[in-house]
Amino acid sequence: MAAEKSAEEGSHGDPSETRPKRRVWAKRLLLSATSLLLALGVLEWVLRVAWPVGGCVLGLHDRYLFAPIPDTQHIQFMSRNPLGRHIIVEVNSHGMLGPEPDPDRKRPRWMVFGDSFVFSENEPYPYTFSARLQHAWQDQVEVLCAGVTGYGPDQNLLRMQEFVPRYAPDGVIYVVCAYNDFGDPVRNHLFTLDEQGELVAQTVTPAEDEAAWFRRRLRESQMPGLQRLWINFWRVRGWPPPQRPDATQIADYLRAHREDYEAHKRRETVAYGMLRDVYDADVALRPQWPSSQYKERLYAALLQRIADQHREWNIPLVVVVVPGGVDLDPDSWLRVDPQRYPTYDPARLNRVASEGARQAGVPTLDLYPPFAEVAEDIDLFEGPIDPHWNRQGMDLGAKLTAEFLREIGLSPVE
């Protein structure tokens, strides 16, 4: 019996020796799990702060339809390759692009409003118009970037009414995008004109499918980092190769603008195409059309309201009108055929936008003439499918704006 007991104990091992081994393996598993959780935590931080793929910087807004979300950032991919050129876009705690406003106001403060030509997602912030303007003033002036992608003069008016009294700037620059700022108010329906040509504000709701798009992007931005990375990797990889526009695209724009105008005249209160900023082909090519003439009147009325508002605040206002790539970029894939559209004048959109601002009594800088002088020698636009100005265009625009303000006696620096 003793021999059998000894053999049995030998087959199972000494329990006192097994327990330390189990503790060692438990410690190793705990260490591995802790390391894994730490690695996942670091990765999550990287994917939210250092490389914020899948972030969301725009959300629905009760008054403006949509607006920047404070304290957010995202990556703007510039190609189908997710590891290729990309821009990290950061919105500060005040809902503006760029650094936080200086709470101590040690310098004069100017604000810049506009659309995606101001809320630039195609260049890092130090190369944007607002940053280059501050650089042109040797950093002696604080420049706040209050522009928003997709905004027209209607939304900029409403944003000015909130932001200008809050931040009390010493001056305001409104960058008008001649490329598409006539069509935005017609699609948004936030304002219309009565029979006397006076502005009438309307309560508008976003189209449900577009509101759902904003909500979906916001939900995705709150997902774990690896899930956001996976979704956006395949989303970007799924972009089709850029196609050269064919001759029918301008005709498609003309038809769409006519449909937008007809919906607007029916006093629609549901906004479609909130981010569909396309070339204002009707104003550029068909100035005799009712849609073109109405757009010009609505734009002029909005600029007049913006000018009157700044006079009430006793704050200087300057308008800078920037052209889009279609009318000036020699590399643009989307071009207007002058034989098919003999009324085409590439400077017309800028000229009409500048005249509307000047009629409102606002000092206005039209960037088309100086840009046209150098467009063949200097690359001013992202192109060929992106009509936005690039870092050279924004730098030149900022320098010309600083010179213009000095010439008219509004420069904040000597």
Protein backbone atom coordinates (compact mmCIF):
# COMPACT_ATOMS: atom_id res chain seq x y z
CA MET A 1 0.00 0.00 0.00
CA ALA A 2 2.81 2.41 0.78
CA ALA A 3 4.40 1.74 -2.59
CA GLU A 4 1.08 2.36 -4.38
CA LYS A 5 0.55 5.65 -2.48
CA SER A 6 4.04 6.81 -3.34
CA ALA A 7 3.47 6.02 -7.00
CA GLU A 8 0.16 7.89 -6.97
CA GLU A 9 1.73 10.98 -5.42
CA GLY A 10 4.51 10.90 -8.01
CA SER A 11 2.01 10.83 -10.88
CA HIS A 12 0.10 13.92 -9.71
CA GLY A 13 3.06 15.97 -8.48
CA ASP A 14 3.49 17.88 -5.32
CA PRO A 15 0.65 20.46 -4.88
CA SER A 16 3.08 22.79 -3.18
CA GLU A 17 5.11 22.92 -6.41
CA THR A 18 2.07 23.40 -8.74
CA ARG A 19 0.69 26.47 -6.97
CA PRO A 20 3.78 28.68 -7.62
CA LYS A 21 3.69 27.71 -11.28
CA ARG A 22 0.03 28.72 -11.51
CA ARG A 23 0.82 32.04 -9.82
CA VAL A 24 3.60 32.69 -12.34
CA TRP A 25 1.27 32.01 -15.26
CA ALA A 26 -1.44 34.16 -13.67
CA LYS A 27 1.03 37.02 -13.31
CA ARG A 28 2.12 36.60 -16.90
CA LEU A 29 -1.47 36.64 -18.13
CA LEU A 30 -2.23 39.69 -16.00
CA LEU A 31 0.88 41.44 -17.32
CA SER A 32 -0.03 40.55 -20.91
CA ALA A 33 -3.60 41.76 -20.44
CA THR A 34 -2.38 44.98 -18.83
CA SER A 35 0.12 45.54 -21.65
CA LEU A 36 -2.59 44.89 -24.24
CA LEU A 37 -4.99 47.31 -22.55
CA LEU A 38 -2.23 49.91 -22.28
CA ALA A 39 -1.34 49.46 -25.95
CA LEU A 40 -5.00 49.78 -26.94
CA GLY A 41 -5.29 52.89 -24.77
CA VAL A 42 -2.25 54.46 -26.43
CA LEU A 43 -3.60 53.53 -29.86
CA GLU A 44 -6.99 55.04 -29.00
CA TRP A 45 -5.27 58.25 -27.89
CA VAL A 46 -3.26 58.36 -31.13
CA LEU A 47 -6.39 57.83 -33.23
CA ARG A 48 -8.22 60.60 -31.39
CA VAL A 49 -5.50 63.20 -30.93
CA ALA A 50 -2.39 62.61 -33.03
CA TRP A 51 -4.06 60.97 -36.05
CA PRO A 52 -7.82 61.57 -35.55
CA VAL A 53 -9.15 59.39 -38.34
CA GLY A 54 -12.93 59.32 -38.49
CA GLY A 55 -13.36 62.51 -36.50
CA CYS A 56 -16.32 64.82 -37.06
CA VAL A 57 -16.01 68.62 -37.04
CA LEU A 58 -19.43 69.62 -38.45
CA GLY A 59 -22.80 68.96 -36.85
CA LEU A 60 -26.42 70.01 -37.25
CA HIS A 61 -27.36 73.47 -35.95
CA ASP A 62 -30.81 74.85 -35.22
CA ARG A 63 -30.10 78.27 -36.71
CA TYR A 64 -27.34 77.76 -39.29
CA LEU A 65 -28.42 74.27 -40.48
CA PHE A 66 -24.92 73.05 -39.59
CA ALA A 67 -21.88 74.45 -37.78
CA PRO A 68 -18.44 73.46 -36.47
CA ILE A 69 -18.44 71.36 -33.30
CA PRO A 70 -16.15 72.86 -30.63
CA ASP A 71 -13.10 70.86 -29.54
CA THR A 72 -13.13 68.45 -32.46
CA GLN A 73 -10.73 67.37 -35.17
CA HIS A 74 -10.58 65.09 -38.15
CA ILE A 75 -8.32 64.04 -40.99
CA GLN A 76 -9.04 65.39 -44.44
CA PHE A 77 -7.69 62.84 -46.91
CA MET A 78 -6.44 64.37 -50.14
CA SER A 79 -6.13 61.16 -52.18
CA ARG A 80 -7.41 57.59 -52.42
CA ASN A 81 -4.32 56.47 -50.50
CA PRO A 82 -5.11 56.80 -46.76
CA LEU A 83 -1.38 57.05 -46.04
CA GLY A 84 -0.89 59.74 -48.67
CA ARG A 85 -1.29 63.50 -48.30
CA HIS A 86 -3.75 64.42 -45.58
CA ILE A 87 -4.59 67.43 -43.43
CA ILE A 88 -5.44 67.37 -39.71
CA VAL A 89 -8.27 69.86 -39.24
CA GLU A 90 -8.73 71.12 -35.68
CA VAL A 91 -11.65 73.16 -34.34
CA ASN A 92 -10.94 74.99 -31.09
CA SER A 93 -13.22 75.28 -28.07
CA HIS A 94 -14.91 78.36 -29.61
CA GLY A 95 -15.98 76.55 -32.76
CA MET A 96 -13.35 78.20 -34.97
CA LEU A 97 -10.37 76.97 -36.92
CA GLY A 98 -6.97 77.79 -35.47
CA PRO A 99 -5.61 78.73 -32.03
CA GLU A 100 -7.78 79.68 -29.09
CA PRO A 101 -8.70 83.38 -28.90
CA ASP A 102 -6.44 85.36 -26.60
CA PRO A 103 -8.46 86.03 -23.41
CA ASP A 104 -6.24 88.99 -22.50
CA ARG A 105 -6.63 90.84 -25.84
CA LYS A 106 -3.00 92.00 -25.91
CA ARG A 107 -3.24 92.82 -29.62
CA PRO A 108 -5.85 94.25 -31.99
CA ARG A 109 -8.30 91.55 -33.10
CA TRP A 110 -9.73 90.98 -36.57
CA MET A 111 -12.13 88.24 -37.61
CA VAL A 112 -12.40 86.48 -40.98
CA PHE A 113 -15.68 84.98 -42.18
CA GLY A 114 -16.37 82.95 -45.31
CA ASP A 115 -16.77 79.40 -46.57
CA SER A 116 -14.28 76.60 -47.26
CA PHE A 117 -11.87 79.13 -48.79
CA VAL A 118 -11.52 80.38 -45.17
CA PHE A 119 -12.25 77.18 -43.22
CA SER A 120 -9.47 75.60 -45.21
CA GLU A 121 -9.28 71.82 -45.07
CA ASN A 122 -6.89 71.50 -48.02
CA GLU A 123 -3.86 73.05 -46.29
CA PRO A 124 -2.51 72.97 -42.70
CA TYR A 125 -3.67 75.95 -40.66
CA PRO A 126 -0.35 77.89 -40.78
CA TYR A 127 -0.81 78.16 -44.58
CA THR A 128 -4.46 79.29 -44.55
CA PHE A 129 -5.65 82.78 -45.46
CA SER A 130 -6.31 83.76 -41.83
CA ALA A 131 -2.90 82.58 -40.65
CA ARG A 132 -1.10 84.21 -43.59
CA LEU A 133 -2.93 87.49 -42.93
CA GLN A 134 -1.73 87.43 -39.32
CA HIS A 135 1.76 86.70 -40.65
CA ALA A 136 1.51 89.63 -43.09
CA TRP A 137 0.80 91.81 -40.04
CA GLN A 138 3.95 90.45 -38.32
CA ASP A 139 1.76 88.77 -35.66
CA GLN A 140 0.93 92.21 -34.27
CA VAL A 141 -2.76 91.44 -34.85
CA GLU A 142 -4.80 88.47 -33.65
CA VAL A 143 -6.79 87.00 -36.55
CA LEU A 144 -9.71 84.71 -35.69
CA CYS A 145 -10.87 82.30 -38.40
CA ALA A 146 -14.68 82.20 -38.21
CA GLY A 147 -15.34 80.77 -41.68
CA VAL A 148 -17.26 77.52 -42.17
CA THR A 149 -17.14 75.03 -45.01
CA GLY A 150 -20.27 75.27 -47.17
CA TYR A 151 -21.50 78.62 -45.84
CA GLY A 152 -22.98 81.28 -48.09
CA PRO A 153 -23.71 84.93 -47.27
CA ASP A 154 -26.95 83.90 -45.52
CA GLN A 155 -25.26 81.65 -42.96
CA ASN A 156 -22.35 84.06 -42.61
CA LEU A 157 -24.81 86.84 -41.76
CA LEU A 158 -26.33 84.71 -38.99
CA ARG A 159 -22.91 83.62 -37.71
CA MET A 160 -21.72 87.23 -37.67
CA GLN A 161 -24.75 88.23 -35.62
CA GLU A 162 -23.67 85.74 -32.96
CA PHE A 163 -19.87 85.91 -33.13
CA VAL A 164 -19.10 89.58 -33.75
CA PRO A 165 -20.78 90.88 -30.56
CA ARG A 166 -19.28 87.99 -28.58
CA TYR A 167 -15.66 88.51 -29.69
CA ALA A 168 -15.80 92.27 -30.30
CA PRO A 169 -13.22 92.44 -33.12
CA ASP A 170 -11.63 95.69 -34.23
CA GLY A 171 -12.44 94.80 -37.83
CA VAL A 172 -14.07 92.08 -39.94
CA ILE A 173 -13.07 90.63 -43.31
CA TYR A 174 -15.69 88.72 -45.24
CA VAL A 175 -14.18 86.48 -47.93
CA VAL A 176 -16.79 85.96 -50.64
CA CYS A 177 -16.31 82.93 -52.87
CA ALA A 178 -17.42 84.08 -56.32
CA TYR A 179 -17.38 80.44 -57.44
CA ASN A 180 -20.55 79.41 -55.55
CA ASP A 181 -21.78 81.99 -53.03
CA PHE A 182 -24.75 83.02 -55.18
CA GLY A 183 -26.33 79.58 -55.07
CA ASP A 184 -26.02 78.84 -51.35
CA PRO A 185 -28.88 81.11 -50.15
CA VAL A 186 -31.21 79.71 -52.81
CA ARG A 187 -30.56 76.11 -51.72
CA ASN A 188 -30.69 76.92 -47.99
CA HIS A 189 -33.98 78.90 -48.05
CA LEU A 190 -32.96 80.71 -44.84
CA PHE A 191 -33.85 84.02 -46.48
CA THR A 192 -36.02 84.95 -49.40
CA LEU A 193 -37.04 88.24 -51.05
CA ASP A 194 -40.54 89.67 -50.83
CA GLU A 195 -42.21 91.61 -53.65
CA GLN A 196 -40.43 94.80 -52.57
CA GLY A 197 -37.06 93.06 -52.67
CA GLU A 198 -36.69 93.03 -48.89
CA LEU A 199 -35.13 90.13 -47.02
CA VAL A 200 -37.53 87.79 -45.27
CA ALA A 201 -36.14 85.21 -42.83
CA GLN A 202 -37.59 81.70 -42.85
CA THR A 203 -37.49 78.76 -40.46
CA VAL A 204 -35.84 75.91 -42.32
CA THR A 205 -35.15 72.26 -41.52
CA PRO A 206 -32.53 70.07 -43.19
CA ALA A 207 -33.67 67.31 -45.53
CA GLU A 208 -33.92 64.09 -43.55
CA ASP A 209 -31.38 62.14 -45.59
CA GLU A 210 -28.83 64.94 -45.17
CA ALA A 211 -29.56 65.29 -41.45
CA ALA A 212 -29.08 61.52 -41.16
CA TRP A 213 -25.67 61.87 -42.85
CA PHE A 214 -24.54 64.39 -40.21
CA ARG A 215 -25.85 62.21 -37.39
CA ARG A 216 -24.17 59.11 -38.81
CA ARG A 217 -20.80 60.86 -39.08
CA LEU A 218 -21.14 62.05 -35.49
CA ARG A 219 -21.92 58.49 -34.28
CA GLU A 220 -18.97 57.11 -36.21
CA SER A 221 -16.66 59.68 -34.62
CA GLN A 222 -17.57 58.30 -31.18
CA MET A 223 -16.71 54.69 -32.09
CA PRO A 224 -13.48 53.04 -30.89
CA GLY A 225 -10.39 54.11 -32.81
CA LEU A 226 -9.75 50.81 -34.58
CA GLN A 227 -13.34 50.69 -35.80
CA ARG A 228 -13.08 54.28 -37.12
CA LEU A 229 -9.79 53.41 -38.79
CA TRP A 230 -11.34 50.41 -40.52
CA ILE A 231 -14.43 52.32 -41.70
CA ASN A 232 -12.46 55.26 -43.08
CA PHE A 233 -9.71 53.14 -44.62
CA TRP A 234 -12.23 51.40 -46.83
CA ARG A 235 -14.24 54.56 -47.39
CA VAL A 236 -11.20 56.39 -48.77
CA ARG A 237 -9.97 53.36 -50.69
CA GLY A 238 -13.42 53.18 -52.27
CA TRP A 239 -13.22 56.63 -53.80
CA PRO A 240 -13.45 56.33 -57.57
CA PRO A 241 -10.50 57.58 -59.60
CA PRO A 242 -10.96 61.24 -60.52
CA GLN A 243 -12.81 61.55 -63.80
CA ARG A 244 -12.24 64.39 -66.20
CA PRO A 245 -15.57 66.27 -66.46
CA ASP A 246 -17.24 65.98 -69.83
CA ALA A 247 -18.98 68.69 -71.82
CA THR A 248 -22.39 67.88 -70.27
CA GLN A 249 -21.42 68.79 -66.70
CA ILE A 250 -21.95 72.53 -67.16
CA ALA A 251 -25.36 71.73 -68.67
CA ASP A 252 -26.13 69.58 -65.60
CA TYR A 253 -25.21 72.50 -63.35
CA LEU A 254 -27.48 74.83 -65.31
CA ARG A 255 -30.41 72.43 -64.98
CA ALA A 256 -29.79 71.93 -61.24
CA HIS A 257 -29.63 75.68 -60.61
CA ARG A 258 -32.93 76.17 -62.41
CA GLU A 259 -34.53 73.47 -60.25
CA ASP A 260 -33.09 75.01 -57.07
CA TYR A 261 -34.53 78.39 -58.03
CA GLU A 262 -37.98 76.96 -58.76
CA ALA A 263 -38.05 75.21 -55.36
CA HIS A 264 -36.94 78.42 -53.64
CA LYS A 265 -39.67 80.47 -55.32
CA ARG A 266 -42.24 77.95 -54.02
CA ARG A 267 -41.09 78.98 -50.54
CA GLU A 268 -39.65 75.59 -49.72
CA THR A 269 -38.56 75.27 -46.08
CA VAL A 270 -36.57 72.04 -46.38
CA ALA A 271 -32.89 72.53 -47.24
CA TYR A 272 -31.31 70.16 -49.73
CA GLY A 273 -27.70 70.09 -50.89
CA MET A 274 -26.38 71.86 -47.79
CA LEU A 275 -22.80 70.94 -48.72
CA ARG A 276 -23.38 70.88 -52.49
CA ASP A 277 -21.33 73.93 -53.36
CA VAL A 278 -21.07 73.80 -57.14
CA TYR A 279 -20.12 76.32 -59.78
CA ASP A 280 -22.77 79.05 -60.22
CA ALA A 281 -23.03 78.35 -63.92
CA ASP A 282 -26.31 80.22 -64.42
CA VAL A 283 -24.94 83.51 -63.05
CA ALA A 284 -21.72 83.03 -65.02
CA LEU A 285 -23.21 81.93 -68.34
CA ARG A 286 -26.91 82.85 -68.41
CA PRO A 287 -27.16 86.32 -66.79
CA GLN A 288 -30.55 86.89 -68.43
CA TRP A 289 -32.17 83.90 -66.69
CA PRO A 290 -34.63 84.64 -63.86
CA SER A 291 -32.59 82.39 -61.54
CA SER A 292 -29.42 84.41 -62.22
CA GLN A 293 -31.08 87.76 -61.72
CA TYR A 294 -32.80 86.61 -58.54
CA LYS A 295 -29.54 85.24 -57.14
CA GLU A 296 -27.82 88.55 -57.76
CA ARG A 297 -30.62 90.47 -56.00
CA LEU A 298 -30.67 88.07 -53.04
CA TYR A 299 -26.89 88.25 -52.72
CA ALA A 300 -26.97 92.07 -52.84
CA ALA A 301 -29.70 92.19 -50.18
CA LEU A 302 -27.71 89.91 -47.89
CA LEU A 303 -24.55 92.01 -48.35
CA GLN A 304 -26.57 95.12 -47.56
CA ARG A 305 -27.87 93.53 -44.35
CA ILE A 306 -24.32 92.49 -43.40
CA ALA A 307 -23.05 96.03 -44.07
CA ASP A 308 -25.87 97.66 -42.09
CA GLN A 309 -25.25 95.30 -39.19
CA HIS A 310 -21.59 96.28 -39.00
CA ARG A 311 -22.48 99.97 -39.13
CA GLU A 312 -24.75 99.43 -36.13
CA TRP A 313 -21.84 97.79 -34.33
CA ASN A 314 -19.46 100.52 -35.53
CA ILE A 315 -16.99 97.86 -36.66
CA PRO A 316 -15.15 98.22 -40.00
CA LEU A 317 -16.09 95.66 -42.61
CA VAL A 318 -14.09 94.75 -45.71
CA VAL A 319 -15.08 92.27 -48.43
CA VAL A 320 -12.51 90.21 -50.32
CA VAL A 321 -13.83 88.40 -53.41
CA VAL A 322 -11.83 85.33 -54.40
CA PRO A 323 -12.26 83.47 -57.72
CA GLY A 324 -12.63 79.71 -58.03
CA GLY A 325 -10.47 77.42 -60.10
CA VAL A 326 -12.96 76.96 -62.94
CA ASP A 327 -12.62 80.58 -64.04
CA LEU A 328 -8.90 81.04 -63.49
CA ASP A 329 -6.94 77.84 -62.94
CA PRO A 330 -5.26 76.77 -66.21
CA ASP A 331 -5.06 73.20 -64.86
CA SER A 332 -8.76 72.90 -63.98
CA TRP A 333 -10.45 69.87 -65.49
CA LEU A 334 -13.84 71.59 -65.44
CA ARG A 335 -13.71 74.30 -68.09
CA VAL A 336 -16.33 76.35 -69.91
CA ASP A 337 -16.38 76.00 -73.69
CA PRO A 338 -16.65 79.59 -75.03
CA GLN A 339 -17.96 78.33 -78.38
CA ARG A 340 -20.85 76.55 -76.68
CA TYR A 341 -21.36 79.43 -74.23
CA PRO A 342 -20.39 82.61 -76.10
CA THR A 343 -21.70 84.81 -73.25
CA TYR A 344 -19.07 83.38 -70.90
CA ASP A 345 -16.87 85.93 -69.16
CA PRO A 346 -14.47 84.31 -66.66
CA ALA A 347 -14.36 87.49 -64.58
CA ARG A 348 -18.13 87.93 -64.37
CA LEU A 349 -18.78 86.11 -61.10
CA ASN A 350 -16.10 88.13 -59.33
CA ARG A 351 -17.33 91.36 -60.89
CA VAL A 352 -20.97 90.79 -59.89
CA ALA A 353 -20.00 89.77 -56.34
CA SER A 354 -17.76 92.85 -55.98
CA GLU A 355 -20.42 95.20 -57.33
CA GLY A 356 -22.98 93.86 -54.85
CA ALA A 357 -20.61 94.53 -51.94
CA ARG A 358 -19.65 98.00 -53.17
CA GLN A 359 -23.31 98.95 -53.65
CA ALA A 360 -23.74 98.14 -49.97
CA GLY A 361 -21.01 100.69 -49.23
CA VAL A 362 -18.37 98.13 -48.24
CA PRO A 363 -14.70 98.56 -49.26
CA THR A 364 -14.13 95.62 -51.59
CA LEU A 365 -11.03 93.92 -52.98
CA ASP A 366 -11.62 91.88 -56.13
CA LEU A 367 -8.80 89.32 -56.36
CA TYR A 368 -9.58 88.28 -59.94
CA PRO A 369 -7.43 90.93 -61.71
CA PRO A 370 -4.24 90.41 -59.64
CA PHE A 371 -4.69 86.63 -59.67
CA ALA A 372 -5.23 86.63 -63.45
CA GLU A 373 -1.95 88.49 -63.92
CA VAL A 374 0.09 85.66 -62.36
CA ALA A 375 -2.14 82.58 -62.84
CA GLU A 376 -0.07 81.28 -65.76
CA ASP A 377 3.18 81.52 -63.80
CA ILE A 378 2.15 80.73 -60.21
CA ASP A 379 0.04 77.76 -59.15
CA LEU A 380 -2.73 79.38 -57.08
CA PHE A 381 -5.28 76.54 -56.87
CA GLU A 382 -5.32 72.96 -55.62
CA GLY A 383 -6.62 71.67 -59.00
CA PRO A 384 -7.24 69.94 -61.23
CA ILE A 385 -10.52 68.73 -59.65
CA ASP A 386 -10.28 70.90 -56.51
CA PRO A 387 -11.25 74.56 -57.18
CA HIS A 388 -9.94 75.91 -53.84
CA TRP A 389 -6.94 78.17 -53.61
CA ASN A 390 -3.77 76.50 -52.35
CA ARG A 391 -1.14 77.84 -49.97
CA GLN A 392 0.36 80.10 -52.69
CA GLY A 393 -3.08 81.50 -53.46
CA MET A 394 -3.91 82.10 -49.80
CA ASP A 395 -0.55 83.72 -49.17
CA LEU A 396 -0.93 86.06 -52.14
CA GLY A 397 -4.52 86.84 -51.16
CA ALA A 398 -3.44 87.70 -47.61
CA LYS A 399 -0.64 89.99 -48.82
CA LEU A 400 -2.99 91.79 -51.23
CA THR A 401 -5.59 92.15 -48.48
CA ALA A 402 -3.05 93.66 -46.07
CA GLU A 403 -1.93 96.11 -48.78
CA PHE A 404 -5.54 97.01 -49.60
CA LEU A 405 -6.36 97.74 -45.97
CA ARG A 406 -3.29 99.95 -45.73
CA GLU A 407 -4.30 101.86 -48.88
CA ILE A 408 -7.81 102.59 -47.58
CA GLY A 409 -6.58 103.54 -44.10
CA LEU A 410 -7.93 100.52 -42.21
CA SER A 411 -4.69 98.66 -41.56
CA PRO A 412 -4.37 97.67 -37.89
CA VAL A 413 -0.58 97.99 -38.10
CA GLU A 414 1.70 100.82 -39.19
